[in-house]
C-alpha atoms as a PDB file:
ATOM      1  CA  MET A   1      -9.794  13.531 -20.746  1.00  0.00           C
ATOM      2  CA  GLY A   2     -11.047  15.711 -23.540  1.00  0.00           C
ATOM      3  CA  ARG A   3      -8.506  14.807 -26.266  1.00  0.00           C
ATOM      4  CA  SER A   4      -5.936  12.101 -26.870  1.00  0.00           C
ATOM      5  CA  PHE A   5      -2.520  12.739 -25.345  1.00  0.00           C
ATOM      6  CA  GLY A   6      -1.153  11.543 -28.705  1.00  0.00           C
ATOM      7  CA  LEU A   7      -1.427  15.270 -29.750  1.00  0.00           C
ATOM      8  CA  VAL A   8       1.402  15.939 -27.398  1.00  0.00           C
ATOM      9  CA  ASP A   9       3.526  13.168 -28.765  1.00  0.00           C
ATOM     10  CA  TYR A  10       2.878  14.464 -32.281  1.00  0.00           C
ATOM     11  CA  LYS A  11       4.023  18.015 -31.396  1.00  0.00           C
ATOM     12  CA  ILE A  12       7.129  16.634 -29.740  1.00  0.00           C
ATOM     13  CA  GLN A  13       7.980  14.698 -32.923  1.00  0.00           C
ATOM     14  CA  GLU A  14       7.307  17.749 -34.984  1.00  0.00           C
ATOM     15  CA  ALA A  15       9.596  19.955 -32.687  1.00  0.00           C
ATOM     16  CA  GLU A  16      12.305  17.254 -32.881  1.00  0.00           C
ATOM     17  CA  TYR A  17      12.154  17.242 -36.652  1.00  0.00           C
ATOM     18  CA  PHE A  18      12.803  20.993 -36.885  1.00  0.00           C
ATOM     19  CA  LEU A  19      15.477  20.796 -34.165  1.00  0.00           C
ATOM     20  CA  ASP A  20      17.330  18.163 -36.251  1.00  0.00           C
ATOM     21  CA  GLN A  21      16.940  20.367 -39.302  1.00  0.00           C
ATOM     22  CA  LEU A  22      18.276  23.321 -37.279  1.00  0.00           C
ATOM     23  CA  LEU A  23      21.287  21.360 -35.946  1.00  0.00           C
ATOM     24  CA  CYS A  24      22.212  20.358 -39.507  1.00  0.00           C
ATOM     25  CA  ALA A  25      21.585  23.785 -41.091  1.00  0.00           C
ATOM     26  CA  GLY A  26      23.516  25.434 -38.357  1.00  0.00           C
ATOM     27  CA  LYS A  27      26.669  23.598 -39.571  1.00  0.00           C
ATOM     28  CA  ARG A  28      26.463  25.430 -42.997  1.00  0.00           C
ATOM     29  CA  LEU A  29      26.587  28.949 -44.204  1.00  0.00           C
ATOM     30  CA  ASN A  30      22.860  29.230 -44.777  1.00  0.00           C
ATOM     31  CA  PHE A  31      21.524  32.173 -42.662  1.00  0.00           C
ATOM     32  CA  MET A  32      17.975  32.234 -44.004  1.00  0.00           C
ATOM     33  CA  GLU A  33      17.519  28.419 -43.584  1.00  0.00           C
ATOM     34  CA  VAL A  34      18.472  28.766 -39.922  1.00  0.00           C
ATOM     35  CA  GLN A  35      15.961  31.582 -39.574  1.00  0.00           C
ATOM     36  CA  PHE A  36      13.105  29.587 -41.208  1.00  0.00           C
ATOM     37  CA  VAL A  37      13.733  26.403 -39.355  1.00  0.00           C
ATOM     38  CA  GLY A  38      14.287  28.152 -36.040  1.00  0.00           C
ATOM     39  CA  SER A  39      10.928  29.822 -36.403  1.00  0.00           C
ATOM     40  CA  ALA A  40       9.179  26.544 -37.244  1.00  0.00           C
ATOM     41  CA  PHE A  41      10.892  24.912 -34.331  1.00  0.00           C
ATOM     42  CA  VAL A  42       9.822  27.541 -31.802  1.00  0.00           C
ATOM     43  CA  THR A  43       6.218  27.398 -33.006  1.00  0.00           C
ATOM     44  CA  ALA A  44       6.136  23.634 -32.832  1.00  0.00           C
ATOM     45  CA  LEU A  45       7.768  23.456 -29.358  1.00  0.00           C
ATOM     46  CA  ARG A  46       5.442  26.108 -27.852  1.00  0.00           C
ATOM     47  CA  SER A  47       2.498  24.014 -29.038  1.00  0.00           C
ATOM     48  CA  VAL A  48       3.497  21.125 -26.877  1.00  0.00           C
ATOM     49  CA  THR A  49       2.162  22.606 -23.636  1.00  0.00           C
ATOM     50  CA  PHE A  50      -0.903  23.839 -25.431  1.00  0.00           C
ATOM     51  CA  ALA A  51      -1.623  20.294 -26.572  1.00  0.00           C
ATOM     52  CA  MET A  52      -0.910  19.074 -23.108  1.00  0.00           C
ATOM     53  CA  GLN A  53      -3.451  21.433 -21.548  1.00  0.00           C
ATOM     54  CA  ALA A  54      -6.034  20.557 -24.333  1.00  0.00           C
ATOM     55  CA  SER A  55      -5.632  16.882 -23.335  1.00  0.00           C
ATOM     56  CA  LEU A  56      -5.721  17.147 -19.551  1.00  0.00           C
ATOM     57  CA  LYS A  57      -7.213  20.535 -18.501  1.00  0.00           C
ATOM     58  CA  GLY A  58     -10.140  20.104 -16.234  1.00  0.00           C
ATOM     59  CA  THR A  59      -8.603  17.152 -14.406  1.00  0.00           C
ATOM     60  CA  THR A  60      -8.049  18.468 -10.891  1.00  0.00           C
ATOM     61  CA  GLN A  61      -4.837  16.581 -10.291  1.00  0.00           C
ATOM     62  CA  PHE A  62      -3.356  17.928 -13.530  1.00  0.00           C
ATOM     63  CA  ASP A  63      -4.590  21.513 -12.990  1.00  0.00           C
ATOM     64  CA  ASP A  64      -2.885  21.701  -9.617  1.00  0.00           C
ATOM     65  CA  TRP A  65       0.289  20.013 -10.916  1.00  0.00           C
ATOM     66  CA  TYR A  66       0.512  22.227 -14.025  1.00  0.00           C
ATOM     67  CA  SER A  67      -0.099  25.495 -12.148  1.00  0.00           C
ATOM     68  CA  LEU A  68       3.135  24.779 -10.203  1.00  0.00           C
ATOM     69  CA  LYS A  69       4.972  23.896 -13.506  1.00  0.00           C
ATOM     70  CA  GLN A  70       3.707  27.182 -15.087  1.00  0.00           C
ATOM     71  CA  ALA A  71       5.013  29.302 -12.169  1.00  0.00           C
ATOM     72  CA  LYS A  72       8.453  27.600 -12.613  1.00  0.00           C
ATOM     73  CA  LEU A  73       8.401  28.227 -16.387  1.00  0.00           C
ATOM     74  CA  ARG A  74       7.644  31.862 -15.825  1.00  0.00           C
ATOM     75  CA  ASN A  75      10.725  32.241 -13.694  1.00  0.00           C
ATOM     76  CA  ASP A  76      12.998  30.368 -16.286  1.00  0.00           C
ATOM     77  CA  PRO A  77      14.668  33.007 -18.463  1.00  0.00           C
ATOM     78  CA  LEU A  78      15.188  30.658 -21.347  1.00  0.00           C
ATOM     79  CA  ALA A  79      11.580  29.466 -21.283  1.00  0.00           C
ATOM     80  CA  LYS A  80      10.330  33.066 -21.108  1.00  0.00           C
ATOM     81  CA  PHE A  81      12.478  34.014 -24.104  1.00  0.00           C
ATOM     82  CA  PHE A  82      11.062  31.283 -26.304  1.00  0.00           C
ATOM     83  CA  HIS A  83       7.556  32.250 -25.182  1.00  0.00           C
ATOM     84  CA  ASP A  84       8.323  35.810 -26.249  1.00  0.00           C
ATOM     85  CA  PHE A  85      10.108  34.703 -29.435  1.00  0.00           C
ATOM     86  CA  ARG A  86       7.016  32.803 -30.602  1.00  0.00           C
ATOM     87  CA  THR A  87       4.854  35.850 -29.900  1.00  0.00           C
ATOM     88  CA  VAL A  88       7.184  38.212 -31.845  1.00  0.00           C
ATOM     89  CA  THR A  89       7.636  35.770 -34.717  1.00  0.00           C
ATOM     90  CA  ASN A  90       3.892  34.791 -35.047  1.00  0.00           C
ATOM     91  CA  HIS A  91       2.169  37.976 -34.297  1.00  0.00           C
ATOM     92  CA  ILE A  92       4.665  40.692 -35.534  1.00  0.00           C
ATOM     93  CA  GLY A  93       6.751  38.718 -38.147  1.00  0.00           C
ATOM     94  CA  ALA A  94      10.153  39.558 -36.799  1.00  0.00           C
ATOM     95  CA  ASN A  95      12.757  36.809 -36.627  1.00  0.00           C
ATOM     96  CA  LEU A  96      15.376  37.064 -33.846  1.00  0.00           C
ATOM     97  CA  VAL A  97      17.960  34.936 -35.578  1.00  0.00           C
ATOM     98  CA  GLY A  98      20.060  37.862 -36.631  1.00  0.00           C
ATOM     99  CA  GLY A  99      23.761  37.138 -36.535  1.00  0.00           C
ATOM    100  CA  GLY A 100      26.311  34.485 -37.100  1.00  0.00           C
ATOM    101  CA  LEU A 101      30.009  33.560 -36.617  1.00  0.00           C
ATOM    102  CA  ASN A 102      32.049  31.434 -38.998  1.00  0.00           C
ATOM    103  CA  ASP A 103      35.546  30.132 -38.164  1.00  0.00           C
ATOM    104  CA  ARG A 104      37.590  26.972 -38.579  1.00  0.00           C
ATOM    105  CA  ASN A 105      35.191  25.253 -36.143  1.00  0.00           C
ATOM    106  CA  GLY A 106      32.199  25.813 -38.225  1.00  0.00           C
ATOM    107  CA  THR A 107      29.337  28.287 -38.119  1.00  0.00           C
ATOM    108  CA  LYS A 108      27.224  29.413 -35.164  1.00  0.00           C
ATOM    109  CA  TYR A 109      24.192  31.656 -35.328  1.00  0.00           C
ATOM    110  CA  PHE A 110      22.976  33.989 -32.586  1.00  0.00           C
ATOM    111  CA  PHE A 111      19.770  35.818 -31.510  1.00  0.00           C
ATOM    112  CA  LEU A 112      19.828  39.569 -31.818  1.00  0.00           C
ATOM    113  CA  PRO A 113      17.614  41.843 -29.781  1.00  0.00           C
ATOM    114  CA  CYS A 114      14.942  43.959 -31.364  1.00  0.00           C
ATOM    115  CA  HIS A 115      12.545  46.601 -30.219  1.00  0.00           C
ATOM    116  CA  ASP A 116       9.833  44.055 -29.244  1.00  0.00           C
ATOM    117  CA  LEU A 117      12.305  41.733 -27.421  1.00  0.00           C
ATOM    118  CA  PRO A 118      15.416  43.554 -26.224  1.00  0.00           C
ATOM    119  CA  ASN A 119      16.707  40.658 -24.036  1.00  0.00           C
ATOM    120  CA  VAL A 120      18.046  37.519 -25.778  1.00  0.00           C
ATOM    121  CA  PRO A 121      20.145  34.592 -24.628  1.00  0.00           C
ATOM    122  CA  ASP A 122      24.012  34.701 -24.941  1.00  0.00           C
ATOM    123  CA  LEU A 123      23.757  31.062 -26.252  1.00  0.00           C
ATOM    124  CA  ASP A 124      24.045  30.196 -29.858  1.00  0.00           C
ATOM    125  CA  VAL A 125      20.729  29.322 -31.564  1.00  0.00           C
ATOM    126  CA  ALA A 126      21.290  25.612 -31.697  1.00  0.00           C
ATOM    127  CA  THR A 127      22.379  25.274 -28.161  1.00  0.00           C
ATOM    128  CA  ALA A 128      19.468  27.365 -26.832  1.00  0.00           C
ATOM    129  CA  CYS A 129      16.937  25.380 -28.935  1.00  0.00           C
ATOM    130  CA  GLN A 130      18.309  22.010 -27.879  1.00  0.00           C
ATOM    131  CA  MET A 131      18.300  23.095 -24.180  1.00  0.00           C
ATOM    132  CA  GLN A 132      14.773  24.212 -24.363  1.00  0.00           C
ATOM    133  CA  PHE A 133      13.602  21.108 -26.238  1.00  0.00           C
ATOM    134  CA  ILE A 134      15.050  18.898 -23.506  1.00  0.00           C
ATOM    135  CA  SER A 135      13.438  21.015 -20.828  1.00  0.00           C
ATOM    136  CA  VAL A 136       9.978  20.714 -22.442  1.00  0.00           C
ATOM    137  CA  LEU A 137      10.585  16.974 -23.048  1.00  0.00           C
ATOM    138  CA  GLU A 138      11.340  16.576 -19.324  1.00  0.00           C
ATOM    139  CA  LEU A 139       8.036  18.110 -18.541  1.00  0.00           C
ATOM    140  CA  VAL A 140       6.176  15.663 -20.888  1.00  0.00           C
ATOM    141  CA  PHE A 141       8.107  12.739 -19.318  1.00  0.00           C
ATOM    142  CA  GLU A 142       6.923  13.861 -15.870  1.00  0.00           C
ATOM    143  CA  CYS A 143       3.450  13.965 -17.266  1.00  0.00           C
ATOM    144  CA  TYR A 144       3.747  10.342 -18.422  1.00  0.00           C
ATOM    145  CA  ILE A 145       4.900   9.340 -14.932  1.00  0.00           C
ATOM    146  CA  GLN A 146       2.410  11.394 -12.923  1.00  0.00           C
ATOM    147  CA  PHE A 147      -0.722  10.684 -15.086  1.00  0.00           C
ATOM    148  CA  ALA A 148       0.061   7.330 -16.615  1.00  0.00           C
ATOM    149  CA  THR A 149      -3.387   5.879 -16.310  1.00  0.00           C
ATOM    150  CA  LEU A 150      -4.877   9.089 -17.667  1.00  0.00           C
ATOM    151  CA  ILE A 151      -2.784   9.400 -20.807  1.00  0.00           C
ATOM    152  CA  ASN A 152      -1.201   6.016 -21.522  1.00  0.00           C
ATOM    153  CA  GLY A 153      -3.466   3.238 -22.617  1.00  0.00           C
ATOM    154  CA  GLN A 154      -0.807   0.693 -21.531  1.00  0.00           C
ATOM    155  CA  HIS A 155      -1.212   1.818 -17.978  1.00  0.00           C
ATOM    156  CA  TYR A 156      -4.969   2.425 -18.255  1.00  0.00           C
ATOM    157  CA  PHE A 157      -5.718  -1.130 -19.320  1.00  0.00           C
ATOM    158  CA  THR A 158      -4.306  -2.968 -16.313  1.00  0.00           C
ATOM    159  CA  GLU A 159      -6.111  -5.253 -13.904  1.00  0.00           C
ATOM    160  CA  GLU A 160      -5.125  -3.081 -10.976  1.00  0.00           C
ATOM    161  CA  HIS A 161      -6.496   0.157 -12.546  1.00  0.00           C
ATOM    162  CA  PHE A 162      -9.793  -1.456 -13.493  1.00  0.00           C
ATOM    163  CA  HIS A 163     -10.100  -3.133 -10.108  1.00  0.00           C
ATOM    164  CA  VAL A 164      -9.839   0.326  -8.426  1.00  0.00           C
ATOM    165  CA  GLN A 165     -12.730   1.526 -10.646  1.00  0.00           C
ATOM    166  CA  GLY A 166     -14.770  -1.508  -9.718  1.00  0.00           C
ATOM    167  CA  LYS A 167     -14.459  -2.822 -13.306  1.00  0.00           C
ATOM    168  CA  THR A 168     -13.413  -6.085 -14.930  1.00  0.00           C
ATOM    169  CA  ALA A 169     -11.616  -7.330 -18.002  1.00  0.00           C
ATOM    170  CA  GLU A 170     -15.023  -7.611 -19.705  1.00  0.00           C
ATOM    171  CA  ASP A 171     -15.543  -3.909 -19.166  1.00  0.00           C
ATOM    172  CA  ALA A 172     -12.084  -3.271 -20.645  1.00  0.00           C
ATOM    173  CA  GLU A 173     -12.947  -5.417 -23.708  1.00  0.00           C
ATOM    174  CA  GLU A 174     -16.157  -3.366 -24.203  1.00  0.00           C
ATOM    175  CA  GLU A 175     -14.209  -0.072 -24.017  1.00  0.00           C
ATOM    176  CA  LEU A 176     -11.857  -1.309 -26.721  1.00  0.00           C
ATOM    177  CA  GLY A 177     -14.765  -2.237 -28.886  1.00  0.00           C
ATOM    178  CA  TYR A 178     -14.620  -5.914 -28.506  1.00  0.00           C
ATOM    179  CA  PRO A 179     -17.461  -8.337 -27.333  1.00  0.00           C
ATOM    180  CA  ARG A 180     -17.472  -9.057 -23.540  1.00  0.00           C
ATOM    181  CA  GLY A 181     -15.475 -12.267 -22.888  1.00  0.00           C
ATOM    182  CA  TRP A 182     -13.566 -11.813 -26.217  1.00  0.00           C
ATOM    183  CA  THR A 183     -10.185 -12.522 -24.624  1.00  0.00           C
ATOM    184  CA  LYS A 184     -11.359 -15.848 -22.944  1.00  0.00           C
ATOM    185  CA  LEU A 185     -12.251 -17.391 -26.234  1.00  0.00           C
ATOM    186  CA  GLY A 186     -14.102 -19.996 -24.265  1.00  0.00           C
ATOM    187  CA  LEU A 187     -10.862 -21.246 -22.801  1.00  0.00           C
ATOM    188  CA  PRO A 188      -9.512 -21.316 -19.240  1.00  0.00           C
ATOM    189  CA  VAL A 189      -6.927 -18.517 -19.692  1.00  0.00           C
ATOM    190  CA  ASP A 190      -5.344 -16.628 -16.802  1.00  0.00           C
ATOM    191  CA  ALA A 191      -5.977 -12.948 -16.085  1.00  0.00           C
ATOM    192  CA  GLU A 192      -2.468 -11.795 -16.748  1.00  0.00           C
ATOM    193  CA  TRP A 193      -2.561 -13.070 -20.327  1.00  0.00           C
ATOM    194  CA  ARG A 194      -6.037 -11.449 -20.972  1.00  0.00           C
ATOM    195  CA  TRP A 195      -4.737  -8.036 -19.869  1.00  0.00           C
ATOM    196  CA  LYS A 196      -1.578  -8.324 -22.032  1.00  0.00           C
ATOM    197  CA  VAL A 197      -3.776  -9.073 -25.009  1.00  0.00           C
ATOM    198  CA  LEU A 198      -5.917  -6.051 -24.357  1.00  0.00           C
ATOM    199  CA  ARG A 199      -2.976  -3.762 -23.972  1.00  0.00           C
ATOM    200  CA  LYS A 200      -1.781  -4.800 -27.448  1.00  0.00           C
ATOM    201  CA  SER A 201      -4.970  -3.110 -28.827  1.00  0.00           C
ATOM    202  CA  ALA A 202      -4.479   0.066 -26.692  1.00  0.00           C
ATOM    203  CA  ASP A 203      -2.425   3.189 -27.474  1.00  0.00           C
ATOM    204  CA  GLY A 204       0.706   3.849 -25.572  1.00  0.00           C
ATOM    205  CA  CYS A 205       3.532   6.303 -25.398  1.00  0.00           C
ATOM    206  CA  LEU A 206       4.651   7.209 -28.903  1.00  0.00           C
ATOM    207  CA  ILE A 207       7.800   9.074 -28.022  1.00  0.00           C
ATOM    208  CA  ALA A 208       9.775   6.462 -26.091  1.00  0.00           C
ATOM    209  CA  HIS A 209      12.498   6.990 -28.709  1.00  0.00           C
ATOM    210  CA  GLN A 210      12.687  10.644 -28.030  1.00  0.00           C
ATOM    211  CA  PHE A 211      12.850  10.123 -24.177  1.00  0.00           C
ATOM    212  CA  GLU A 212      15.747   7.608 -24.715  1.00  0.00           C
ATOM    213  CA  ARG A 213      17.521   9.833 -27.242  1.00  0.00           C
ATOM    214  CA  TRP A 214      17.461  13.099 -25.463  1.00  0.00           C
ATOM    215  CA  LEU A 215      16.892  12.250 -21.753  1.00  0.00           C
ATOM    216  CA  ASN A 216      18.338   8.754 -21.559  1.00  0.00           C
ATOM    217  CA  LYS A 217      15.089   7.739 -19.870  1.00  0.00           C
ATOM    218  CA  SER A 218      12.421   5.159 -20.670  1.00  0.00           C
ATOM    219  CA  PRO A 219       8.837   5.457 -19.571  1.00  0.00           C
ATOM    220  CA  PRO A 220       7.770   2.386 -17.452  1.00  0.00           C
ATOM    221  CA  HIS A 221       5.534  -0.249 -19.047  1.00  0.00           C
ATOM    222  CA  PRO A 222       3.191  -2.452 -16.965  1.00  0.00           C
ATOM    223  CA  ASP A 223       4.625  -5.620 -18.521  1.00  0.00           C
ATOM    224  CA  ASP A 224       8.155  -4.676 -17.478  1.00  0.00           C
ATOM    225  CA  MET A 225       6.980  -3.885 -13.873  1.00  0.00           C
ATOM    226  CA  GLN A 226       5.721  -7.452 -13.088  1.00  0.00           C
END
């Protein structure tokens, strides 16, 4: 793996921040704020899959898996729109948040077509952005399930995973920067305890809160699976 998958977690957190700002701004009469935050959200969200590829590209199982996901995304009208929206916003400068409707129920903002992007969703901006955020988050969640030992230190540093590689707890200690035998402390401790101690020093999923909030799902943890 070339880069830490924490890059993906960071971009999800960044996109969520702008989405929350957008959902709040959308309740007020503040057209330019919705434009600014909407543009920032789209840029952050589109970066998620770039970060995912930067972290895992070159891994055969990921490349095969992601090629299928890319084909599905290309056939998803909303995903294609946000892809084109980012291109128009970042490379041309146009912002497609162009209309709004205010009534007793509050304010809703809408995308308006332009020369460079004539087809836009019928959904209001907040709804469309939230739907696309959830769709991308689902993709990241799948990644955490499919490639747990590649991207999640909590699954990488398990006795089972190291046994498959022909490695031991001493090898894991060394990978984490500790002296070989560090978790034994010269005492007769059991293997399960040693691996739990090692996992406390390893990175794990940093967006469990986002999975629970938006998907009502939790990524599995080795200590919960025993």
